[in-house]
């Protein structure tokens, strides 16, 4: 297990994507998700992401320098296709939240 994504000093922005998967077979979901993480990493202003999944519930938090970087990612052509597939095939529901991070705190246990 790795730790949370290292982010710069605030302010920066987060996109919190909370989803519930359909109980359908994978149908290309895993490959598309991997590609979206790869593609997001190539976007100007992308800082990283953290993701967790359990029993059909997924939460992915991506970190961005600016709101305009988030808007550009949302409008990326390959990402638009993945969004459409998500609505049509993979998600029962999802919610997107975008917020500005003004303060952030970290903790790291030191090993003896």
Foldseek 3Di string as FASTA:
>chain_A
DDDDFDDDADWWKKKKKKFFWDPDPCVCVVVLVVVLQVVLVVQPFWRHKDWDDDPRIIIIMTIGHDPVSVVVSCPPPSNVVVVVCCVVPITPDMDIDMDTDNHDDDDDDDDD
